Every structure is written in structure tokens, then in C-alpha cells.
Protein backbone atom coordinates (compact mmCIF):
# COMPACT_ATOMS: atom_id res chain seq x y z
CA MET A 1 -70.37 31.00 10.14
CA SER A 2 -71.77 34.20 8.97
CA LYS A 3 -71.27 35.16 5.45
CA ILE A 4 -68.96 38.17 6.00
CA TYR A 5 -66.65 36.07 8.04
CA ARG A 6 -66.61 33.59 5.30
CA GLU A 7 -65.92 35.94 2.48
CA SER A 8 -63.16 37.40 4.70
CA LEU A 9 -61.46 34.22 5.16
CA THR A 10 -61.66 33.37 1.25
CA GLN A 11 -60.10 36.79 0.61
CA ALA A 12 -57.37 36.06 3.02
CA PHE A 13 -56.37 32.77 1.73
CA ARG A 14 -56.35 34.40 -1.82
CA ARG A 15 -54.13 37.02 -0.63
CA GLY A 16 -51.93 34.39 1.06
CA LEU A 17 -52.00 35.62 4.50
CA MET A 18 -53.65 32.72 6.15
CA THR A 19 -51.05 30.29 4.49
CA GLY A 20 -47.84 32.23 5.13
CA THR A 21 -46.76 33.12 1.66
CA SER A 22 -47.54 36.24 -0.19
CA ASP A 23 -47.39 37.16 -3.91
CA LYS A 24 -43.70 38.05 -3.46
CA ALA A 25 -42.92 34.80 -1.37
CA SER A 26 -44.70 32.69 -3.83
CA SER A 27 -42.98 34.17 -6.85
CA THR A 28 -39.68 33.47 -5.15
CA ALA A 29 -40.79 30.05 -4.18
CA SER A 30 -40.98 28.88 -8.17
CA SER A 31 -37.66 30.62 -8.81
CA GLY A 32 -35.95 28.57 -5.90
CA THR A 33 -35.73 30.75 -3.11
CA ASN A 34 -38.33 30.39 -0.27
CA ARG A 35 -38.62 33.50 2.01
CA SER A 36 -41.50 33.53 4.72
CA ASN A 37 -43.06 36.76 5.46
CA ARG A 38 -43.73 35.40 9.10
CA PRO A 39 -42.29 37.64 11.69
CA TRP A 40 -39.01 36.41 13.52
CA TRP A 41 -40.74 35.99 16.60
CA ILE A 42 -43.44 33.33 15.98
CA TRP A 43 -41.18 30.29 16.64
CA PRO A 44 -39.77 31.33 19.78
CA GLY A 45 -43.00 32.80 20.90
CA GLY A 46 -44.81 29.61 20.03
CA GLY A 47 -42.03 27.51 22.03
CA LEU A 48 -42.74 30.07 25.06
CA LEU A 49 -46.49 29.38 25.15
CA ALA A 50 -45.99 25.50 25.04
CA LEU A 51 -43.58 25.90 27.72
CA MET A 52 -45.93 27.86 29.91
CA ALA A 53 -48.67 25.40 29.31
CA VAL A 54 -46.61 22.30 30.34
CA SER A 55 -45.37 24.47 33.32
CA PHE A 56 -48.92 25.09 34.27
CA ALA A 57 -50.28 21.49 34.11
CA LEU A 58 -47.03 20.59 36.33
CA ARG A 59 -47.60 22.50 39.06
CA PRO A 60 -48.40 20.88 42.37
CA SER A 61 -51.80 20.92 43.49
CA ASP A 62 -53.33 22.68 46.75
CA SER A 63 -53.57 19.08 48.40
CA ASP A 64 -50.01 18.47 47.66
CA LEU A 65 -48.76 21.50 48.87
CA ALA A 66 -50.74 21.24 52.13
CA GLU A 67 -49.42 17.45 52.43
CA GLU A 68 -45.85 18.73 51.94
CA LYS A 69 -46.45 21.45 54.60
CA GLN A 70 -47.84 18.86 57.29
CA ALA A 71 -44.94 16.51 56.43
CA GLY A 72 -42.54 19.54 57.34
CA PHE A 73 -40.71 19.31 53.74
CA HIS A 74 -41.53 23.33 53.31
CA CYS A 75 -38.97 23.93 55.83
CA LEU A 76 -36.06 22.21 54.18
CA SER A 77 -34.07 22.90 51.20
CA ALA A 78 -35.16 22.05 47.64
CA TRP A 79 -31.39 21.79 46.42
CA ASN A 80 -30.19 19.07 48.90
CA GLY A 81 -33.01 18.78 51.67
CA SER A 82 -31.19 20.33 54.19
CA HIS A 83 -32.46 22.58 57.10
CA GLN A 84 -30.88 26.16 56.49
CA ALA A 85 -30.92 27.20 60.12
CA LEU A 86 -29.41 23.96 61.22
CA VAL A 87 -26.72 24.14 58.96
CA ASP A 88 -25.98 27.69 59.92
CA GLU A 89 -25.76 26.53 63.57
CA ILE A 90 -23.51 23.70 62.74
CA LYS A 91 -21.18 25.72 60.77
CA GLY A 92 -20.88 28.02 63.44
CA GLU A 93 -19.48 25.34 65.66
CA LEU A 94 -17.19 23.92 63.02
CA ARG A 95 -13.18 24.65 63.14
CA GLU A 96 -13.45 24.75 59.28
CA PRO A 97 -16.83 26.03 58.18
CA ASN A 98 -16.29 25.99 54.69
CA SER A 99 -15.21 21.77 54.96
CA PHE A 100 -19.18 21.21 55.65
CA GLU A 101 -20.92 18.81 53.34
CA HIS A 102 -24.55 17.87 54.05
CA ILE A 103 -25.22 14.31 53.48
CA SER A 104 -29.03 13.56 54.45
CA THR A 105 -31.76 14.84 56.35
CA GLU A 106 -34.67 12.65 57.85
CA VAL A 107 -37.81 14.33 59.35
CA THR A 108 -40.55 12.94 61.60
CA LYS A 109 -44.05 13.43 61.31
CA ILE A 110 -45.66 16.44 63.15
CA LYS A 111 -46.09 16.09 66.86
CA PRO A 112 -49.23 17.56 68.96
CA ASP A 113 -47.05 20.51 69.68
CA GLY A 114 -46.76 21.50 66.47
CA THR A 115 -42.85 20.67 66.06
CA HIS A 116 -41.05 18.13 63.92
CA GLY A 117 -37.97 15.87 64.81
CA LEU A 118 -35.13 15.96 62.50
CA ILE A 119 -31.86 14.10 62.04
CA MET A 120 -29.45 15.38 59.81
CA LYS A 121 -26.00 13.47 58.82
CA TYR A 122 -23.12 15.77 57.60
CA ARG A 123 -19.57 15.37 56.84
CA ALA A 124 -16.75 18.15 58.02
CA ARG A 125 -12.92 18.19 58.68
CA ASN A 126 -11.97 17.48 62.28
CA GLY A 127 -9.02 18.82 64.23
CA LEU A 128 -6.55 16.18 62.71
CA GLY A 129 -7.46 17.07 59.03
CA GLY A 130 -9.62 14.10 58.25
CA MET A 131 -13.19 14.19 57.25
CA ALA A 132 -15.61 12.73 60.11
CA VAL A 133 -19.03 11.95 59.90
CA GLU A 134 -21.26 13.30 62.33
CA ASN A 135 -25.25 13.14 63.33
CA ILE A 136 -27.18 15.77 64.59
CA ALA A 137 -30.76 15.61 66.34
CA ALA A 138 -32.85 18.69 66.19
CA THR A 139 -36.42 20.22 66.45
CA TYR A 140 -38.23 22.71 64.67
CA ARG A 141 -41.46 24.37 64.51
CA ASN A 142 -43.78 23.81 61.57
CA SER A 143 -45.39 27.07 61.75
CA ASP A 144 -42.22 29.22 60.93
CA CYS A 145 -39.46 26.84 60.79
CA ASN A 146 -37.54 27.94 63.37
CA LEU A 147 -35.20 25.35 65.56
CA VAL A 148 -36.19 24.82 68.67
CA GLY A 149 -33.12 23.13 69.63
CA TRP A 150 -30.20 20.60 68.48
CA GLN A 151 -27.67 18.07 69.85
CA THR A 152 -25.09 15.69 68.51
CA TYR A 153 -25.51 12.18 69.04
């Protein structure tokens, strides 16, 4: 450590800049009221930096993202696991599209032609007013997530 740097640190401690107190704050601390002269943004700013560090550490690796794409999960909703294009197609066929409720979606491994098979289970209101559970089989392309076809089974 250079002599100039050491002297400037010593002077800073003497003035109270490095400890967070000033002459005014140290005199008020002895009188019973402790006021810090730190800017108001220190605590939220430190919290924001900690949050950014944690989110960076928890982000998925490139190999995880490649595995997810190979498995076909990149085409599914992160919210409920449904394939949105298929949901839109099904809702277009229903009498009451607002009654659609996604239950589950299962995806097969990628086929040699670059497509995935998909089985979706959903619930919707039927013509008599009751809720019916249906299963749909579909195929979609891994490259662009577009539907190739679907059918009820």
C-alpha cells in the first residue's frame, strides 16, 4: 500500500467519512439522537445489487437451455405448461371458449423429422352445461413451435 493512499485513508477515518459519522453526527450521538449522514439510497441500492447477483447466479446454463429446447419445452407456456397455439385452436372449436381450463400437457421426445407429439388434457363446458374433460393429441415442430395437426381421442 502506498504511503499517500495510507495517509488518505487515515485522514478519512479521522474525518469520519469511512465510518459513516461526521462531526455533527458524532456530537448528536452523544446527546441521544443518532442521525447518519449516509445517503438514503444506500440500503435499497445494496439490496438491488444483492438481488441482481442472486438472479445472475441462478440463471440456467447454456446446456440446460439446449436440453430444454431439445425436449420441446421452449414451446410450452412457463405459466401452466400448455401449448398456446393448440389452446387457441381448441377454444375456436368450443361453444363456450371462456370455460376452457387447461389440466395438463405431456410432450414426447423429438422425432427424426423434427416434430414432437403432445397430449393435452383440458376441461370445458359441454352443451348441457356440465364440465367435460377431453384429451387432445397434437404434433408440433420443434424449430418454430407451429402446430402440424391435432385430433381428439
